[in-house]
C-alpha cells in the first residue's frame, strides 16, 4: 500500500479555489476551465502551472495551442518578477530589471520544472503525450499538465475523417483522461464557451 500511495493534490495557489476543490487538483483527474473569450482562462491555468513548479517544486507542462513558447515565457517571467510584460516584450528594460529577469530565468532553467509546448500547432494527444514523456524522463514524473485549448486540438482519430466534431472532442477528452490516469497527473483543459447564448433571451448555456 505504501508503494502505491497516491500523489498529493496539486495546489492551484488560490486558497479559496483549493478549498472548493477539497485541497487542490487531484492527480489522475481532468478538470475543465471554461469561460468566454478574454476572461483570463489561459492566465489562470498558467498561474496554476507556475504555482505547481515554482512554489511546490513539482514538474509541470503547458501545452499551448494558441501562444508561443516565447509568449508563455514572457508572461511567466513577468508574473514571477513583477516586471510588466510589455517592457519585456519591447525589450525596454532598465539594468536592475534585466538582472532580475536573468536571475529568475536562470533559476527556472536550472530546475526545468515548468516546460512549454505548442507554438500554435494543433497536435493530437499522442504529441502531447510524447512531450510529457520527455518531462517524465527528465524528472521521473509529471504532476501537472495544462492543455490550452481543447477546441483547437486535432481529434485523436482525425484520419478517420468522421466529420463529427462532438465525437472528436469527446475522444480527445477521453484520451487526456487516460493520459492523466497513466501519469497520475492533474490535467487542466482550457476551453472557450460558445457565444450562442447571447442570441437567446435567457442567455443560458
Protein backbone atom coordinates (compact mmCIF):
# COMPACT_ATOMS: atom_id res chain seq x y z
CA UNK A 1 0.00 0.00 0.00
CA UNK A 2 2.88 2.34 0.78
CA UNK A 3 4.40 1.73 -2.67
CA UNK A 4 1.12 2.73 -4.33
CA UNK A 5 0.44 5.73 -2.11
CA UNK A 6 -1.24 8.37 -4.29
CA UNK A 7 0.44 11.67 -5.08
CA UNK A 8 -0.59 14.67 -3.01
CA UNK A 9 -3.02 17.09 -4.62
CA UNK A 10 -1.70 19.94 -6.73
CA UNK A 11 -2.38 23.31 -5.12
CA UNK A 12 -3.61 25.98 -7.53
CA UNK A 13 -2.11 28.79 -5.46
CA UNK A 14 -5.58 30.28 -4.90
CA UNK A 15 -6.62 29.38 -1.36
CA UNK A 16 -10.37 29.77 -1.88
CA UNK A 17 -10.26 27.65 -5.03
CA UNK A 18 -8.15 24.99 -3.32
CA UNK A 19 -10.71 24.84 -0.52
CA UNK A 20 -13.55 24.45 -3.02
CA UNK A 21 -11.63 21.62 -4.69
CA UNK A 22 -11.16 19.83 -1.38
CA UNK A 23 -7.44 20.59 -1.10
CA UNK A 24 -6.39 21.20 -4.69
CA UNK A 25 -6.44 19.43 -8.04
CA UNK A 26 -6.50 15.66 -7.77
CA UNK A 27 -3.80 13.67 -9.62
CA UNK A 28 -5.23 11.41 -12.30
CA UNK A 29 -8.23 13.66 -12.87
CA UNK A 30 -9.14 16.06 -15.68
CA UNK A 31 -10.53 19.48 -14.78
CA UNK A 32 -12.03 21.84 -17.37
CA UNK A 33 -11.61 25.62 -17.10
CA UNK A 34 -14.25 27.10 -19.40
CA UNK A 35 -15.32 30.70 -19.96
CA UNK A 36 -15.97 33.16 -22.74
CA UNK A 37 -13.12 34.79 -24.63
CA UNK A 38 -10.80 37.26 -22.86
CA UNK A 39 -11.90 36.20 -19.38
CA UNK A 40 -8.43 35.12 -18.18
CA UNK A 41 -8.70 31.35 -18.67
CA UNK A 42 -5.18 30.91 -20.01
CA UNK A 43 -3.66 33.15 -17.35
CA UNK A 44 -5.45 31.19 -14.62
CA UNK A 45 -4.13 27.90 -15.99
CA UNK A 46 -0.60 29.36 -16.30
CA UNK A 47 -0.84 30.62 -12.71
CA UNK A 48 -1.66 27.09 -11.57
CA UNK A 49 1.30 25.70 -13.52
CA UNK A 50 3.65 28.34 -12.07
CA UNK A 51 2.46 27.58 -8.56
CA UNK A 52 2.98 23.86 -9.09
CA UNK A 53 6.50 24.31 -10.46
CA UNK A 54 7.92 27.27 -8.54
CA UNK A 55 6.06 27.11 -5.22
CA UNK A 56 5.70 23.34 -4.85
CA UNK A 57 8.77 22.20 -6.81
CA UNK A 58 6.72 19.75 -8.89
CA UNK A 59 7.16 19.23 -12.66
CA UNK A 60 4.50 20.89 -14.83
CA UNK A 61 3.91 21.07 -18.58
CA UNK A 62 1.89 23.65 -20.52
CA UNK A 63 0.76 22.50 -23.96
CA UNK A 64 -0.49 25.74 -25.50
CA UNK A 65 -2.09 25.67 -28.93
CA UNK A 66 -2.59 29.45 -29.00
CA UNK A 67 0.55 31.03 -27.59
CA UNK A 68 4.20 30.61 -28.49
CA UNK A 69 6.83 29.35 -26.06
CA UNK A 70 8.33 32.84 -26.07
CA UNK A 71 4.99 34.41 -25.17
CA UNK A 72 4.43 31.95 -22.32
CA UNK A 73 7.95 32.55 -21.03
CA UNK A 74 7.42 36.33 -21.13
CA UNK A 75 4.20 36.00 -19.13
CA UNK A 76 5.86 33.68 -16.63
CA UNK A 77 8.86 35.96 -16.11
CA UNK A 78 6.60 38.99 -15.75
CA UNK A 79 4.47 37.24 -13.12
CA UNK A 80 7.48 35.95 -11.19
CA UNK A 81 9.41 39.26 -11.21
CA UNK A 82 6.72 41.92 -11.31
CA UNK A 83 8.27 43.45 -14.44
CA UNK A 84 5.48 44.47 -16.88
CA UNK A 85 5.04 42.09 -19.80
CA UNK A 86 5.05 44.97 -22.26
CA UNK A 87 8.52 46.06 -21.13
CA UNK A 88 9.80 42.52 -21.58
CA UNK A 89 8.19 42.24 -25.00
CA UNK A 90 9.54 45.60 -26.19
CA UNK A 91 12.95 45.00 -24.55
CA UNK A 92 12.77 48.38 -22.78
CA UNK A 93 14.27 47.16 -19.50
CA UNK A 94 16.50 49.05 -17.14
CA UNK A 95 19.64 47.27 -15.81
CA UNK A 96 18.07 46.23 -12.49
CA UNK A 97 15.03 44.70 -14.24
CA UNK A 98 17.30 42.90 -16.70
CA UNK A 99 19.39 41.45 -13.87
CA UNK A 100 16.23 40.29 -12.08
CA UNK A 101 14.89 38.62 -15.22
CA UNK A 102 18.20 36.87 -15.86
CA UNK A 103 18.31 35.59 -12.26
CA UNK A 104 14.75 34.21 -12.36
CA UNK A 105 15.23 32.73 -15.85
CA UNK A 106 18.46 31.04 -14.76
CA UNK A 107 16.78 29.56 -11.69
CA UNK A 108 13.83 28.32 -13.75
CA UNK A 109 16.18 26.85 -16.36
CA UNK A 110 18.30 25.05 -13.76
CA UNK A 111 15.24 23.42 -12.20
CA UNK A 112 13.45 22.90 -15.54
CA UNK A 113 10.25 22.24 -13.64
CA UNK A 114 7.99 24.24 -15.97
CA UNK A 115 8.13 23.45 -19.68
CA UNK A 116 6.16 24.76 -22.63
CA UNK A 117 5.00 23.23 -25.89
CA UNK A 118 2.69 24.09 -28.74
CA UNK A 119 3.72 27.18 -30.66
CA UNK A 120 0.35 27.45 -32.36
CA UNK A 121 0.31 23.91 -33.71
CA UNK A 122 -2.72 21.63 -33.36
CA UNK A 123 -1.35 18.29 -32.17
CA UNK A 124 -3.26 15.17 -31.32
CA UNK A 125 -2.99 13.73 -27.82
CA UNK A 126 -0.12 11.47 -28.93
CA UNK A 127 2.13 14.51 -29.49
CA UNK A 128 1.26 15.94 -26.08
CA UNK A 129 1.96 12.54 -24.53
CA UNK A 130 5.37 12.50 -26.23
CA UNK A 131 6.23 15.85 -24.67
CA UNK A 132 5.01 14.64 -21.29
CA UNK A 133 7.22 11.55 -21.64
CA UNK A 134 10.22 13.85 -22.09
CA UNK A 135 9.38 15.57 -18.78
CA UNK A 136 8.97 12.21 -17.04
CA UNK A 137 12.32 11.12 -18.46
CA UNK A 138 13.96 14.22 -17.01
CA UNK A 139 12.25 14.34 -13.61
CA UNK A 140 10.88 10.85 -13.10
CA UNK A 141 7.30 12.13 -13.03
CA UNK A 142 4.88 14.79 -14.25
CA UNK A 143 2.47 16.25 -11.72
CA UNK A 144 0.53 18.86 -13.69
CA UNK A 145 -0.47 19.32 -17.34
CA UNK A 146 -2.32 22.22 -18.97
CA UNK A 147 -3.90 21.81 -22.42
CA UNK A 148 -4.89 25.21 -23.85
CA UNK A 149 -7.25 24.93 -25.57
CA UNK A 150 -9.40 21.91 -26.37
CA UNK A 151 -11.30 23.49 -29.26
CA UNK A 152 -8.11 23.84 -31.34
CA UNK A 153 -6.94 20.26 -30.95
CA UNK A 154 -6.96 17.68 -33.70
CA UNK A 155 -9.18 14.72 -32.92
CA UNK A 156 -7.42 11.62 -31.68
CA UNK A 157 -8.59 9.76 -34.79
CA UNK A 158 -8.82 12.57 -37.33
CA UNK A 159 -7.57 10.25 -40.04
CA UNK A 160 -11.00 8.65 -39.94
CA UNK A 161 -12.45 11.99 -41.11
CA UNK A 162 -15.71 11.35 -39.28
CA UNK A 163 -16.84 14.94 -39.67
CA UNK A 164 -18.46 14.75 -36.23
CA UNK A 165 -16.70 17.40 -34.15
CA UNK A 166 -18.52 16.43 -30.96
CA UNK A 167 -17.25 12.86 -31.23
CA UNK A 168 -13.74 14.09 -31.95
CA UNK A 169 -13.75 16.36 -28.88
CA UNK A 170 -15.18 13.55 -26.72
CA UNK A 171 -12.40 11.28 -27.99
CA UNK A 172 -9.73 13.85 -27.13
CA UNK A 173 -11.11 14.30 -23.61
CA UNK A 174 -11.19 10.52 -23.11
CA UNK A 175 -7.58 10.23 -24.30
CA UNK A 176 -6.49 13.04 -21.97
CA UNK A 177 -8.25 11.35 -19.05
CA UNK A 178 -6.41 8.12 -19.84
CA UNK A 179 -3.13 10.09 -20.02
CA UNK A 180 -3.88 11.72 -16.65
CA UNK A 181 -4.51 8.28 -15.15
CA UNK A 182 -1.29 6.79 -16.56
CA UNK A 183 0.85 9.73 -15.40
CA UNK A 184 -1.05 10.26 -12.13
CA UNK A 185 -1.03 13.91 -13.13
CA UNK A 186 -3.62 16.60 -12.57
CA UNK A 187 -4.74 17.77 -16.02
CA UNK A 188 -6.45 21.09 -16.71
CA UNK A 189 -8.16 21.61 -20.07
CA UNK A 190 -8.88 25.18 -21.10
CA UNK A 191 -11.92 25.69 -23.33
CA UNK A 192 -13.79 28.65 -24.73
CA UNK A 193 -17.56 28.76 -24.30
CA UNK A 194 -19.78 29.47 -27.25
CA UNK A 195 -21.32 32.91 -27.79
CA UNK A 196 -24.60 31.35 -28.93
CA UNK A 197 -26.41 32.05 -25.60
CA UNK A 198 -26.08 35.79 -26.29
CA UNK A 199 -28.63 35.31 -29.06
CA UNK A 200 -31.19 33.77 -26.68
CA UNK A 201 -33.42 35.74 -24.35
CA UNK A 202 -32.48 33.78 -21.20
CA UNK A 203 -28.70 33.75 -22.03
CA UNK A 204 -28.39 30.25 -20.59
CA UNK A 205 -25.81 27.71 -21.76
